[in-house]
């Protein structure tokens, strides 16, 4: 195999090794030695480009962070929803025929609280928290006087990275113990999921063998914010660190303010059950 003064032309060299050899005139043919400074500049430029790419890749958000960020961009906004799956539907279903509204009400650096209003029932709040390994979803259930329901703070942690669009939360050990204690054996196998498609939809899902429940919220049209959930202060505690709304969020907020100012800020129509 051909060689050039100690350089094996058949063996590919790393960029660093190439730079070292290009600056060592002893390894270069005599006709190339006068070109060493220019060659070094080219190699260094390549190395700098590679380092910039690596640094940019390191800034790519993890799926959990991208998911949380997409929800936090909606902070302060509320959206109407409709049931898209409810199999099997139970007699006296508390969701049937009720206005369903989610309100991205409180947004901290590592936690977002989203009350889920079902008609006049303001007992439910989804609590989404960033953990060291992913995300955690808990369900904070309250009575009208603000006291905790016996079934509260159940949920689970993500078991895989998920994606920027969907995260799943299998029931954790604490929740399974709660369900056993309260005689809810079927709920032991619960897996909750959330999906977000910015500007289009947000989905809340509950699935287990023999059961699927999904509510889809329209993110293209904000609605007036509902009253505070039971057990919460009248004004949401939204830290300043939440950052600015996205342009779309600002537009939606402006639309709400204009509708309220014109007297059109009425509550959404009750959602229909599919």
Protein backbone atom coordinates (compact mmCIF):
# COMPACT_ATOMS: atom_id res chain seq x y z
CA UNK A 1 0.00 0.00 0.00
CA UNK A 2 1.31 3.48 -0.85
CA UNK A 3 2.81 5.55 1.92
CA UNK A 4 3.88 9.21 2.06
CA UNK A 5 6.85 9.57 4.37
CA UNK A 6 5.29 7.59 7.20
CA UNK A 7 1.61 8.37 6.40
CA UNK A 8 -0.42 5.30 5.44
CA UNK A 9 -2.75 6.53 2.68
CA UNK A 10 -5.10 3.58 3.21
CA UNK A 11 -5.73 4.21 6.91
CA UNK A 12 -8.13 7.05 7.74
CA UNK A 13 -6.86 9.49 10.37
CA UNK A 14 -8.79 11.35 13.00
CA UNK A 15 -8.95 15.11 12.65
CA UNK A 16 -6.70 15.55 15.67
CA UNK A 17 -4.12 13.07 14.36
CA UNK A 18 -4.25 14.75 10.97
CA UNK A 19 -3.61 18.15 12.54
CA UNK A 20 -0.63 16.80 14.49
CA UNK A 21 0.93 15.20 11.44
CA UNK A 22 0.32 18.24 9.28
CA UNK A 23 2.28 20.37 11.74
CA UNK A 24 5.13 17.86 11.98
CA UNK A 25 7.19 18.65 8.89
CA UNK A 26 9.26 15.52 9.38
CA UNK A 27 6.27 13.39 8.32
CA UNK A 28 5.43 15.48 5.26
CA UNK A 29 6.90 15.13 1.76
CA UNK A 30 9.23 17.97 0.94
CA UNK A 31 6.83 19.41 -1.67
CA UNK A 32 4.11 19.80 1.02
CA UNK A 33 6.15 21.34 3.80
CA UNK A 34 5.66 24.90 2.56
CA UNK A 35 1.88 24.31 2.73
CA UNK A 36 1.84 23.19 6.37
CA UNK A 37 0.64 26.51 7.90
CA UNK A 38 -2.28 26.78 5.44
CA UNK A 39 -3.21 23.13 5.97
CA UNK A 40 -3.16 23.63 9.72
CA UNK A 41 -5.63 26.51 9.43
CA UNK A 42 -8.01 24.32 7.45
CA UNK A 43 -7.77 21.46 9.95
CA UNK A 44 -8.30 23.80 12.89
CA UNK A 45 -11.35 25.25 11.17
CA UNK A 46 -12.76 21.73 10.76
CA UNK A 47 -12.12 20.99 14.44
CA UNK A 48 -13.85 24.20 15.49
CA UNK A 49 -16.85 23.33 13.31
CA UNK A 50 -17.08 19.87 14.85
CA UNK A 51 -16.88 21.34 18.35
CA UNK A 52 -19.66 23.81 17.51
CA UNK A 53 -21.87 20.97 16.27
CA UNK A 54 -21.23 18.99 19.45
CA UNK A 55 -22.04 22.01 21.62
CA UNK A 56 -25.25 22.64 19.67
CA UNK A 57 -26.28 18.99 20.06
CA UNK A 58 -25.71 19.22 23.81
CA UNK A 59 -28.24 22.05 23.94
CA UNK A 60 -30.97 19.97 22.29
CA UNK A 61 -33.72 19.65 24.93
CA UNK A 62 -34.60 16.24 26.28
CA UNK A 63 -38.10 14.98 25.43
CA UNK A 64 -39.28 15.69 28.99
CA UNK A 65 -38.01 19.27 28.85
CA UNK A 66 -39.48 19.89 25.40
CA UNK A 67 -42.82 18.47 26.57
CA UNK A 68 -42.88 20.62 29.72
CA UNK A 69 -41.82 23.66 27.73
CA UNK A 70 -44.67 23.25 25.26
CA UNK A 71 -47.17 23.16 28.13
CA UNK A 72 -45.53 26.05 30.01
CA UNK A 73 -45.85 28.16 26.85
CA UNK A 74 -49.62 28.01 27.48
CA UNK A 75 -49.38 29.29 31.05
CA UNK A 76 -52.36 31.40 32.02
CA UNK A 77 -54.54 30.06 29.23
CA UNK A 78 -57.60 27.82 29.38
CA UNK A 79 -59.02 25.51 26.68
CA UNK A 80 -62.28 23.64 26.15
CA UNK A 81 -62.25 19.89 25.61
CA UNK A 82 -64.39 17.01 24.47
CA UNK A 83 -64.38 13.31 25.17
CA UNK A 84 -63.00 11.34 22.22
CA UNK A 85 -62.92 7.89 23.86
CA UNK A 86 -64.83 6.51 26.84
CA UNK A 87 -64.86 2.75 26.63
CA UNK A 88 -66.81 1.36 28.29
CA UNK A 89 -69.00 4.29 29.32
CA UNK A 90 -70.23 3.85 32.89
CA UNK A 91 -73.83 4.61 33.96
CA UNK A 92 -74.01 8.08 35.48
CA UNK A 93 -70.67 9.08 33.96
CA UNK A 94 -69.65 12.37 35.70
CA UNK A 95 -68.08 13.68 32.47
CA UNK A 96 -71.03 13.15 30.12
CA UNK A 97 -72.70 16.35 28.93
CA UNK A 98 -70.43 18.59 31.02
CA UNK A 99 -68.24 21.49 29.94
CA UNK A 100 -64.64 20.26 30.13
CA UNK A 101 -61.96 22.92 30.60
CA UNK A 102 -58.24 22.67 31.31
CA UNK A 103 -56.44 25.71 32.72
CA UNK A 104 -52.62 25.91 32.65
CA UNK A 105 -52.72 27.92 35.86
CA UNK A 106 -49.40 27.68 37.69
CA UNK A 107 -46.01 27.28 36.03
CA UNK A 108 -42.79 26.99 37.99
CA UNK A 109 -39.29 26.02 36.84
CA UNK A 110 -39.94 22.33 37.57
CA UNK A 111 -43.70 22.03 38.03
CA UNK A 112 -46.91 22.90 36.18
CA UNK A 113 -50.38 22.71 37.76
CA UNK A 114 -53.34 22.26 35.41
CA UNK A 115 -56.83 22.31 36.94
CA UNK A 116 -59.31 20.15 35.02
CA UNK A 117 -62.85 21.50 35.43
CA UNK A 118 -65.86 19.26 34.78
CA UNK A 119 -68.91 21.49 34.71
CA UNK A 120 -69.07 23.12 38.14
CA UNK A 121 -66.85 20.44 39.65
CA UNK A 122 -63.50 22.09 40.40
CA UNK A 123 -62.02 19.19 42.37
CA UNK A 124 -59.32 18.02 39.93
CA UNK A 125 -55.82 19.35 39.28
CA UNK A 126 -53.11 17.64 37.25
CA UNK A 127 -49.67 18.21 38.75
CA UNK A 128 -46.81 17.68 36.30
CA UNK A 129 -43.31 17.71 37.82
CA UNK A 130 -39.83 17.43 36.28
CA UNK A 131 -37.78 14.75 38.06
CA UNK A 132 -34.16 13.69 37.73
CA UNK A 133 -35.18 10.91 35.36
CA UNK A 134 -38.19 12.31 33.51
CA UNK A 135 -41.66 13.51 34.47
CA UNK A 136 -44.17 12.74 37.21
CA UNK A 137 -47.94 13.12 36.95
CA UNK A 138 -50.10 13.34 40.06
CA UNK A 139 -53.83 13.94 40.46
CA UNK A 140 -54.67 16.40 43.26
CA UNK A 141 -58.32 15.85 44.22
CA UNK A 142 -60.06 18.22 46.64
CA UNK A 143 -63.47 18.73 48.20
CA UNK A 144 -65.31 22.04 47.87
CA UNK A 145 -63.99 23.11 51.28
CA UNK A 146 -60.42 22.57 50.06
CA UNK A 147 -59.76 19.41 52.05
CA UNK A 148 -58.05 16.48 50.32
CA UNK A 149 -60.18 13.66 48.95
CA UNK A 150 -59.35 10.14 50.12
CA UNK A 151 -58.29 9.43 46.51
CA UNK A 152 -55.69 12.08 45.86
CA UNK A 153 -52.09 12.49 44.68
CA UNK A 154 -52.15 9.26 42.72
CA UNK A 155 -50.27 8.88 39.44
CA UNK A 156 -46.80 7.81 38.42
CA UNK A 157 -43.44 8.57 36.81
CA UNK A 158 -42.44 8.12 33.20
CA UNK A 159 -40.68 4.80 32.58
CA UNK A 160 -39.00 5.85 29.33
CA UNK A 161 -37.91 9.12 27.67
CA UNK A 162 -41.14 9.43 25.71
CA UNK A 163 -41.22 12.23 23.16
CA UNK A 164 -41.80 15.96 22.94
CA UNK A 165 -45.38 15.13 21.89
CA UNK A 166 -46.38 12.28 24.26
CA UNK A 167 -45.50 11.13 27.78
CA UNK A 168 -46.87 8.06 29.65
CA UNK A 169 -47.18 7.54 33.40
CA UNK A 170 -47.74 3.99 34.74
CA UNK A 171 -49.26 3.84 38.23
CA UNK A 172 -46.51 3.96 40.86
CA UNK A 173 -46.27 1.78 43.97
CA UNK A 174 -47.85 4.43 46.19
CA UNK A 175 -50.85 4.74 43.90
CA UNK A 176 -51.31 0.98 43.58
CA UNK A 177 -51.29 0.68 47.38
CA UNK A 178 -53.92 3.44 47.59
CA UNK A 179 -56.13 1.69 45.03
CA UNK A 180 -55.86 -1.62 46.89
CA UNK A 181 -56.71 0.06 50.17
CA UNK A 182 -59.81 1.66 48.65
CA UNK A 183 -60.92 -1.51 46.84
CA UNK A 184 -60.16 -0.22 43.33
CA UNK A 185 -58.39 -3.30 42.01
CA UNK A 186 -58.99 -2.43 38.36
CA UNK A 187 -57.10 0.85 38.75
CA UNK A 188 -53.87 -0.89 39.77
CA UNK A 189 -52.98 -1.32 36.10
CA UNK A 190 -53.70 2.32 35.20
CA UNK A 191 -51.41 4.13 32.79
CA UNK A 192 -52.04 7.82 32.20
CA UNK A 193 -50.74 9.72 29.21
CA UNK A 194 -50.59 13.30 28.01
CA UNK A 195 -50.07 14.53 24.46
CA UNK A 196 -49.47 17.98 23.09
CA UNK A 197 -49.42 19.34 19.55
CA UNK A 198 -48.76 23.08 19.98
CA UNK A 199 -51.49 25.24 18.53
CA UNK A 200 -53.62 22.18 17.75
CA UNK A 201 -54.50 19.93 20.68
CA UNK A 202 -53.73 18.64 24.16
CA UNK A 203 -54.85 15.15 25.18
CA UNK A 204 -55.36 13.55 28.58
CA UNK A 205 -55.66 9.76 28.54
CA UNK A 206 -56.33 6.96 30.99
CA UNK A 207 -55.79 3.39 29.80
CA UNK A 208 -55.84 -0.05 31.36
CA UNK A 209 -56.98 -3.47 30.19
CA UNK A 210 -60.62 -3.09 29.14
CA UNK A 211 -60.73 0.68 29.68
CA UNK A 212 -59.81 3.73 27.55
CA UNK A 213 -60.68 7.32 28.38
CA UNK A 214 -59.43 10.29 26.34
CA UNK A 215 -60.23 14.00 26.45
CA UNK A 216 -58.95 16.26 23.67
CA UNK A 217 -58.61 20.01 24.19
CA UNK A 218 -58.58 22.50 21.31
CA UNK A 219 -55.42 24.62 21.62
CA UNK A 220 -56.33 26.78 18.64
CA UNK A 221 -59.07 28.58 20.60
CA UNK A 222 -58.58 29.74 24.17
CA UNK A 223 -61.57 30.29 26.48
CA UNK A 224 -62.01 32.54 29.53
CA UNK A 225 -60.16 31.18 32.55
CA UNK A 226 -62.44 29.35 35.01
CA UNK A 227 -62.56 30.06 38.76
CA UNK A 228 -59.81 28.76 41.00
CA UNK A 229 -59.87 25.02 41.68
CA UNK A 230 -61.03 23.97 45.10
CA UNK A 231 -58.31 24.35 47.71
CA UNK A 232 -56.34 26.97 45.72
CA UNK A 233 -55.96 30.70 46.19
CA UNK A 234 -58.07 32.97 44.01
CA UNK A 235 -54.97 34.27 42.24
CA UNK A 236 -52.58 31.68 40.79
CA UNK A 237 -49.03 31.66 42.14
CA UNK A 238 -47.17 31.86 38.82
CA UNK A 239 -43.47 32.57 39.39
CA UNK A 240 -41.79 35.29 37.34
CA UNK A 241 -39.26 32.66 36.16
CA UNK A 242 -41.89 31.10 33.89
CA UNK A 243 -40.67 33.33 31.04
CA UNK A 244 -42.60 34.96 28.23
CA UNK A 245 -45.56 33.45 26.42
CA UNK A 246 -45.00 32.33 22.87
CA UNK A 247 -46.35 34.60 20.15
CA UNK A 248 -49.38 32.31 19.71
CA UNK A 249 -50.09 32.39 23.46
CA UNK A 250 -49.95 36.19 23.49
CA UNK A 251 -52.38 36.29 20.57
CA UNK A 252 -54.80 33.98 22.38
CA UNK A 253 -54.62 36.08 25.54
CA UNK A 254 -55.37 39.19 23.51
CA UNK A 255 -58.34 37.48 21.85
CA UNK A 256 -59.77 36.55 25.27
CA UNK A 257 -59.36 40.08 26.58
CA UNK A 258 -61.07 41.50 23.51
CA UNK A 259 -63.97 39.03 23.80
CA UNK A 260 -64.44 39.81 27.50
CA UNK A 261 -64.30 43.56 26.81
CA UNK A 262 -67.01 43.17 24.14
CA UNK A 263 -69.20 41.08 26.43
CA UNK A 264 -68.64 37.83 24.53
CA UNK A 265 -66.58 36.09 27.19
CA UNK A 266 -69.24 33.56 28.13
CA UNK A 267 -68.53 30.03 29.28
CA UNK A 268 -68.04 27.37 26.58
CA UNK A 269 -70.88 25.12 25.57
CA UNK A 270 -71.03 21.74 27.32
CA UNK A 271 -68.80 19.18 25.64
CA UNK A 272 -70.50 16.35 23.81
CA UNK A 273 -69.60 12.74 24.53
CA UNK A 274 -68.47 10.77 21.46
